[in-house]
Amino acid sequence: MNKTISMSIRVSEDELEKLKKAAILLEYSSYSEFVRRTALIEASKIIKENTTYIGHSFAVAKEHGGYDK
C-alpha cells in the first residue's frame, strides 16, 4: 500500500478564490482535490514530454561518473 504524504502551498487570497471558483465550475469535491488532480495531470504531461531528455541526461551523467537510475 502506498504511503500518503501531506503537502501545503502558499497562495494569495486572490489565488485561493480562483482555485475555489475553478473547483466549483469543474464540480470537484474541494479546491484541494482540484489542485491535486490538476498538478498530477501537468506532472504526467511534463514527464511524458521529457522522457527522452531525462533518459539522456541520466546516461550523460553516468558517463561522467555521476548517478545511476
PDB file of N, CA and C in Angstrom:
ATOM      1  N   MET A   1       0.829  -1.173   0.000  1.00  0.00           N
ATOM      2  CA  MET A   1       0.000   0.000   0.000  1.00  0.00           C
ATOM      3  C   MET A   1       0.883   1.249   0.000  1.00  0.00           C
ATOM      4  N   ASN A   2       0.510   2.254  -0.795  1.00  0.00           N
ATOM      5  CA  ASN A   2       1.280   3.487  -0.865  1.00  0.00           C
ATOM      6  C   ASN A   2       1.048   4.348   0.364  1.00  0.00           C
ATOM      7  N   LYS A   3       2.112   4.966   0.820  1.00  0.00           N
ATOM      8  CA  LYS A   3       2.029   5.884   1.946  1.00  0.00           C
ATOM      9  C   LYS A   3       1.490   7.227   1.442  1.00  0.00           C
ATOM     10  N   THR A   4       0.600   7.842   2.173  1.00  0.00           N
ATOM     11  CA  THR A   4       0.042   9.130   1.801  1.00  0.00           C
ATOM     12  C   THR A   4       0.865  10.237   2.453  1.00  0.00           C
ATOM     13  N   ILE A   5       1.234  11.227   1.654  1.00  0.00           N
ATOM     14  CA  ILE A   5       2.036  12.353   2.114  1.00  0.00           C
ATOM     15  C   ILE A   5       1.188  13.612   2.045  1.00  0.00           C
ATOM     16  N   SER A   6       1.303  14.456   3.023  1.00  0.00           N
ATOM     17  CA  SER A   6       0.576  15.724   3.035  1.00  0.00           C
ATOM     18  C   SER A   6       1.496  16.837   2.525  1.00  0.00           C
ATOM     19  N   MET A   7       0.936  17.725   1.699  1.00  0.00           N
ATOM     20  CA  MET A   7       1.695  18.860   1.172  1.00  0.00           C
ATOM     21  C   MET A   7       0.918  20.136   1.455  1.00  0.00           C
ATOM     22  N   SER A   8       1.621  21.236   1.495  1.00  0.00           N
ATOM     23  CA  SER A   8       0.927  22.515   1.619  1.00  0.00           C
ATOM     24  C   SER A   8       1.541  23.497   0.628  1.00  0.00           C
ATOM     25  N   ILE A   9       0.742  24.463   0.218  1.00  0.00           N
ATOM     26  CA  ILE A   9       1.236  25.513  -0.675  1.00  0.00           C
ATOM     27  C   ILE A   9       0.764  26.853  -0.140  1.00  0.00           C
ATOM     28  N   ARG A  10       1.500  27.884  -0.459  1.00  0.00           N
ATOM     29  CA  ARG A  10       1.114  29.238  -0.068  1.00  0.00           C
ATOM     30  C   ARG A  10       0.536  29.931  -1.290  1.00  0.00           C
ATOM     31  N   VAL A  11      -0.629  30.519  -1.117  1.00  0.00           N
ATOM     32  CA  VAL A  11      -1.281  31.265  -2.187  1.00  0.00           C
ATOM     33  C   VAL A  11      -1.856  32.556  -1.611  1.00  0.00           C
ATOM     34  N   SER A  12      -2.013  33.527  -2.476  1.00  0.00           N
ATOM     35  CA  SER A  12      -2.648  34.769  -2.042  1.00  0.00           C
ATOM     36  C   SER A  12      -4.152  34.546  -1.920  1.00  0.00           C
ATOM     37  N   GLU A  13      -4.857  35.490  -1.324  1.00  0.00           N
ATOM     38  CA  GLU A  13      -6.309  35.372  -1.208  1.00  0.00           C
ATOM     39  C   GLU A  13      -6.956  35.329  -2.585  1.00  0.00           C
ATOM     40  N   ASP A  14      -6.444  36.141  -3.522  1.00  0.00           N
ATOM     41  CA  ASP A  14      -6.983  36.136  -4.889  1.00  0.00           C
ATOM     42  C   ASP A  14      -6.768  34.786  -5.567  1.00  0.00           C
ATOM     43  N   GLU A  15      -5.585  34.221  -5.397  1.00  0.00           N
ATOM     44  CA  GLU A  15      -5.299  32.916  -5.986  1.00  0.00           C
ATOM     45  C   GLU A  15      -6.194  31.838  -5.388  1.00  0.00           C
ATOM     46  N   LEU A  16      -6.411  31.895  -4.082  1.00  0.00           N
ATOM     47  CA  LEU A  16      -7.280  30.918  -3.428  1.00  0.00           C
ATOM     48  C   LEU A  16      -8.703  31.023  -3.970  1.00  0.00           C
ATOM     49  N   GLU A  17      -9.186  32.224  -4.167  1.00  0.00           N
ATOM     50  CA  GLU A  17     -10.532  32.410  -4.707  1.00  0.00           C
ATOM     51  C   GLU A  17     -10.642  31.842  -6.125  1.00  0.00           C
ATOM     52  N   LYS A  18      -9.590  32.016  -6.930  1.00  0.00           N
ATOM     53  CA  LYS A  18      -9.581  31.442  -8.279  1.00  0.00           C
ATOM     54  C   LYS A  18      -9.629  29.916  -8.224  1.00  0.00           C
ATOM     55  N   LEU A  19      -8.847  29.336  -7.318  1.00  0.00           N
ATOM     56  CA  LEU A  19      -8.835  27.877  -7.167  1.00  0.00           C
ATOM     57  C   LEU A  19     -10.201  27.363  -6.732  1.00  0.00           C
ATOM     58  N   LYS A  20     -10.821  28.053  -5.798  1.00  0.00           N
ATOM     59  CA  LYS A  20     -12.145  27.652  -5.329  1.00  0.00           C
ATOM     60  C   LYS A  20     -13.175  27.750  -6.452  1.00  0.00           C
ATOM     61  N   LYS A  21     -13.109  28.841  -7.221  1.00  0.00           N
ATOM     62  CA  LYS A  21     -14.062  29.038  -8.314  1.00  0.00           C
ATOM     63  C   LYS A  21     -13.900  27.953  -9.382  1.00  0.00           C
ATOM     64  N   ALA A  22     -12.649  27.660  -9.742  1.00  0.00           N
ATOM     65  CA  ALA A  22     -12.386  26.616 -10.746  1.00  0.00           C
ATOM     66  C   ALA A  22     -12.882  25.259 -10.254  1.00  0.00           C
ATOM     67  N   ALA A  23     -12.676  24.965  -8.976  1.00  0.00           N
ATOM     68  CA  ALA A  23     -13.129  23.689  -8.410  1.00  0.00           C
ATOM     69  C   ALA A  23     -14.648  23.573  -8.485  1.00  0.00           C
ATOM     70  N   ILE A  24     -15.333  24.670  -8.206  1.00  0.00           N
ATOM     71  CA  ILE A  24     -16.799  24.665  -8.290  1.00  0.00           C
ATOM     72  C   ILE A  24     -17.248  24.479  -9.735  1.00  0.00           C
ATOM     73  N   LEU A  25     -16.628  25.216 -10.658  1.00  0.00           N
ATOM     74  CA  LEU A  25     -17.007  25.123 -12.068  1.00  0.00           C
ATOM     75  C   LEU A  25     -16.800  23.724 -12.638  1.00  0.00           C
ATOM     76  N   LEU A  26     -15.756  23.059 -12.197  1.00  0.00           N
ATOM     77  CA  LEU A  26     -15.459  21.708 -12.686  1.00  0.00           C
ATOM     78  C   LEU A  26     -16.043  20.617 -11.794  1.00  0.00           C
ATOM     79  N   GLU A  27     -16.829  21.023 -10.808  1.00  0.00           N
ATOM     80  CA  GLU A  27     -17.550  20.112  -9.920  1.00  0.00           C
ATOM     81  C   GLU A  27     -16.636  19.156  -9.144  1.00  0.00           C
ATOM     82  N   TYR A  28     -15.502  19.676  -8.671  1.00  0.00           N
ATOM     83  CA  TYR A  28     -14.637  18.897  -7.784  1.00  0.00           C
ATOM     84  C   TYR A  28     -15.217  18.965  -6.376  1.00  0.00           C
ATOM     85  N   SER A  29     -14.904  17.973  -5.556  1.00  0.00           N
ATOM     86  CA  SER A  29     -15.429  17.944  -4.195  1.00  0.00           C
ATOM     87  C   SER A  29     -14.827  19.045  -3.319  1.00  0.00           C
ATOM     88  N   SER A  30     -13.619  19.487  -3.663  1.00  0.00           N
ATOM     89  CA  SER A  30     -12.966  20.560  -2.905  1.00  0.00           C
ATOM     90  C   SER A  30     -11.911  21.218  -3.790  1.00  0.00           C
ATOM     91  N   TYR A  31     -11.485  22.395  -3.394  1.00  0.00           N
ATOM     92  CA  TYR A  31     -10.438  23.050  -4.180  1.00  0.00           C
ATOM     93  C   TYR A  31      -9.112  22.336  -4.022  1.00  0.00           C
ATOM     94  N   SER A  32      -8.874  21.683  -2.886  1.00  0.00           N
ATOM     95  CA  SER A  32      -7.616  20.949  -2.731  1.00  0.00           C
ATOM     96  C   SER A  32      -7.585  19.734  -3.657  1.00  0.00           C
ATOM     97  N   GLU A  33      -8.735  19.107  -3.885  1.00  0.00           N
ATOM     98  CA  GLU A  33      -8.814  17.998  -4.845  1.00  0.00           C
ATOM     99  C   GLU A  33      -8.552  18.503  -6.256  1.00  0.00           C
ATOM    100  N   PHE A  34      -9.079  19.678  -6.581  1.00  0.00           N
ATOM    101  CA  PHE A  34      -8.816  20.304  -7.883  1.00  0.00           C
ATOM    102  C   PHE A  34      -7.318  20.547  -8.061  1.00  0.00           C
ATOM    103  N   VAL A  35      -6.676  21.102  -7.047  1.00  0.00           N
ATOM    104  CA  VAL A  35      -5.233  21.390  -7.118  1.00  0.00           C
ATOM    105  C   VAL A  35      -4.449  20.101  -7.292  1.00  0.00           C
ATOM    106  N   ARG A  36      -4.774  19.074  -6.506  1.00  0.00           N
ATOM    107  CA  ARG A  36      -4.054  17.795  -6.570  1.00  0.00           C
ATOM    108  C   ARG A  36      -4.177  17.158  -7.947  1.00  0.00           C
ATOM    109  N   ARG A  37      -5.395  17.062  -8.449  1.00  0.00           N
ATOM    110  CA  ARG A  37      -5.597  16.419  -9.754  1.00  0.00           C
ATOM    111  C   ARG A  37      -4.982  17.223 -10.887  1.00  0.00           C
ATOM    112  N   THR A  38      -5.111  18.541 -10.839  1.00  0.00           N
ATOM    113  CA  THR A  38      -4.531  19.387 -11.877  1.00  0.00           C
ATOM    114  C   THR A  38      -3.003  19.276 -11.874  1.00  0.00           C
ATOM    115  N   ALA A  39      -2.409  19.284 -10.697  1.00  0.00           N
ATOM    116  CA  ALA A  39      -0.953  19.143 -10.595  1.00  0.00           C
ATOM    117  C   ALA A  39      -0.492  17.795 -11.133  1.00  0.00           C
ATOM    118  N   LEU A  40      -1.230  16.735 -10.838  1.00  0.00           N
ATOM    119  CA  LEU A  40      -0.859  15.406 -11.337  1.00  0.00           C
ATOM    120  C   LEU A  40      -0.990  15.306 -12.855  1.00  0.00           C
ATOM    121  N   ILE A  41      -2.017  15.930 -13.411  1.00  0.00           N
ATOM    122  CA  ILE A  41      -2.177  15.954 -14.872  1.00  0.00           C
ATOM    123  C   ILE A  41      -0.990  16.668 -15.509  1.00  0.00           C
ATOM    124  N   GLU A  42      -0.632  17.825 -14.964  1.00  0.00           N
ATOM    125  CA  GLU A  42       0.507  18.586 -15.502  1.00  0.00           C
ATOM    126  C   GLU A  42       1.813  17.819 -15.325  1.00  0.00           C
ATOM    127  N   ALA A  43       1.999  17.195 -14.177  1.00  0.00           N
ATOM    128  CA  ALA A  43       3.222  16.419 -13.932  1.00  0.00           C
ATOM    129  C   ALA A  43       3.347  15.273 -14.931  1.00  0.00           C
ATOM    130  N   SER A  44       2.247  14.576 -15.178  1.00  0.00           N
ATOM    131  CA  SER A  44       2.260  13.473 -16.144  1.00  0.00           C
ATOM    132  C   SER A  44       2.611  13.960 -17.540  1.00  0.00           C
ATOM    133  N   LYS A  45       2.051  15.115 -17.923  1.00  0.00           N
ATOM    134  CA  LYS A  45       2.338  15.696 -19.231  1.00  0.00           C
ATOM    135  C   LYS A  45       3.820  16.044 -19.362  1.00  0.00           C
ATOM    136  N   ILE A  46       4.374  16.681 -18.349  1.00  0.00           N
ATOM    137  CA  ILE A  46       5.783  17.080 -18.371  1.00  0.00           C
ATOM    138  C   ILE A  46       6.688  15.861 -18.435  1.00  0.00           C
ATOM    139  N   ILE A  47       6.377  14.848 -17.644  1.00  0.00           N
ATOM    140  CA  ILE A  47       7.192  13.624 -17.646  1.00  0.00           C
ATOM    141  C   ILE A  47       7.139  12.958 -19.018  1.00  0.00           C
ATOM    142  N   LYS A  48       5.947  12.854 -19.599  1.00  0.00           N
ATOM    143  CA  LYS A  48       5.802  12.228 -20.913  1.00  0.00           C
ATOM    144  C   LYS A  48       6.577  12.997 -21.974  1.00  0.00           C
ATOM    145  N   GLU A  49       6.480  14.322 -21.967  1.00  0.00           N
ATOM    146  CA  GLU A  49       7.152  15.156 -22.965  1.00  0.00           C
ATOM    147  C   GLU A  49       8.661  15.135 -22.817  1.00  0.00           C
ATOM    148  N   ASN A  50       9.164  14.863 -21.621  1.00  0.00           N
ATOM    149  CA  ASN A  50      10.598  14.950 -21.362  1.00  0.00           C
ATOM    150  C   ASN A  50      11.255  13.620 -21.074  1.00  0.00           C
ATOM    151  N   THR A  51      10.564  12.507 -21.316  1.00  0.00           N
ATOM    152  CA  THR A  51      11.118  11.192 -21.015  1.00  0.00           C
ATOM    153  C   THR A  51      12.429  10.949 -21.753  1.00  0.00           C
ATOM    154  N   THR A  52      12.480  11.276 -23.020  1.00  0.00           N
ATOM    155  CA  THR A  52      13.708  11.083 -23.793  1.00  0.00           C
ATOM    156  C   THR A  52      14.830  11.927 -23.224  1.00  0.00           C
ATOM    157  N   TYR A  53      14.543  13.171 -22.903  1.00  0.00           N
ATOM    158  CA  TYR A  53      15.557  14.067 -22.358  1.00  0.00           C
ATOM    159  C   TYR A  53      16.052  13.570 -21.010  1.00  0.00           C
ATOM    160  N   ILE A  54      15.130  13.143 -20.141  1.00  0.00           N
ATOM    161  CA  ILE A  54      15.513  12.663 -18.815  1.00  0.00           C
ATOM    162  C   ILE A  54      16.405  11.431 -18.945  1.00  0.00           C
ATOM    163  N   GLY A  55      16.030  10.494 -19.806  1.00  0.00           N
ATOM    164  CA  GLY A  55      16.844   9.302 -20.015  1.00  0.00           C
ATOM    165  C   GLY A  55      18.233   9.653 -20.520  1.00  0.00           C
ATOM    166  N   HIS A  56      18.301  10.637 -21.426  1.00  0.00           N
ATOM    167  CA  HIS A  56      19.585  11.074 -21.967  1.00  0.00           C
ATOM    168  C   HIS A  56      20.438  11.708 -20.883  1.00  0.00           C
ATOM    169  N   SER A  57      19.866  12.537 -20.030  1.00  0.00           N
ATOM    170  CA  SER A  57      20.672  13.205 -19.014  1.00  0.00           C
ATOM    171  C   SER A  57      21.203  12.206 -17.989  1.00  0.00           C
ATOM    172  N   PHE A  58      20.440  11.132 -17.687  1.00  0.00           N
ATOM    173  CA  PHE A  58      20.960  10.101 -16.809  1.00  0.00           C
ATOM    174  C   PHE A  58      22.148   9.408 -17.466  1.00  0.00           C
ATOM    175  N   ALA A  59      22.032   9.116 -18.768  1.00  0.00           N
ATOM    176  CA  ALA A  59      23.117   8.445 -19.486  1.00  0.00           C
ATOM    177  C   ALA A  59      24.365   9.313 -19.502  1.00  0.00           C
ATOM    178  N   VAL A  60      24.211  10.594 -19.759  1.00  0.00           N
ATOM    179  CA  VAL A  60      25.351  11.514 -19.797  1.00  0.00           C
ATOM    180  C   VAL A  60      25.991  11.599 -18.423  1.00  0.00           C
ATOM    181  N   ALA A  61      25.174  11.721 -17.376  1.00  0.00           N
ATOM    182  CA  ALA A  61      25.705  11.827 -16.015  1.00  0.00           C
ATOM    183  C   ALA A  61      26.483  10.561 -15.656  1.00  0.00           C
ATOM    184  N   LYS A  62      25.969   9.395 -16.038  1.00  0.00           N
ATOM    185  CA  LYS A  62      26.635   8.132 -15.722  1.00  0.00           C
ATOM    186  C   LYS A  62      27.987   8.047 -16.432  1.00  0.00           C
ATOM    187  N   GLU A  63      28.033   8.510 -17.681  1.00  0.00           N
ATOM    188  CA  GLU A  63      29.285   8.505 -18.448  1.00  0.00           C
ATOM    189  C   GLU A  63      30.365   9.320 -17.746  1.00  0.00           C
ATOM    190  N   HIS A  64      29.955  10.330 -17.001  1.00  0.00           N
ATOM    191  CA  HIS A  64      30.906  11.228 -16.346  1.00  0.00           C
ATOM    192  C   HIS A  64      31.047  10.910 -14.867  1.00  0.00           C
ATOM    193  N   GLY A  65      30.717   9.659 -14.476  1.00  0.00           N
ATOM    194  CA  GLY A  65      30.893   9.230 -13.101  1.00  0.00           C
ATOM    195  C   GLY A  65      29.791   9.669 -12.161  1.00  0.00           C
ATOM    196  N   GLY A  66      28.672  10.119 -12.703  1.00  0.00           N
ATOM    197  CA  GLY A  66      27.560  10.601 -11.884  1.00  0.00           C
ATOM    198  C   GLY A  66      26.658   9.482 -11.412  1.00  0.00           C
ATOM    199  N   TYR A  67      25.458   9.843 -11.103  1.00  0.00           N
ATOM    200  CA  TYR A  67      24.473   8.923 -10.544  1.00  0.00           C
ATOM    201  C   TYR A  67      23.934   7.939 -11.567  1.00  0.00           C
ATOM    202  N   ASP A  68      23.330   6.893 -11.067  1.00  0.00           N
ATOM    203  CA  ASP A  68      22.718   5.854 -11.878  1.00  0.00           C
ATOM    204  C   ASP A  68      21.230   5.836 -11.561  1.00  0.00           C
ATOM    205  N   LYS A  69      20.399   5.364 -12.495  1.00  0.00           N
ATOM    206  CA  LYS A  69      18.949   5.295 -12.255  1.00  0.00           C
ATOM    207  C   LYS A  69      18.616   4.423 -11.078  1.00  0.00           C
TER     208      LYS A  69
END
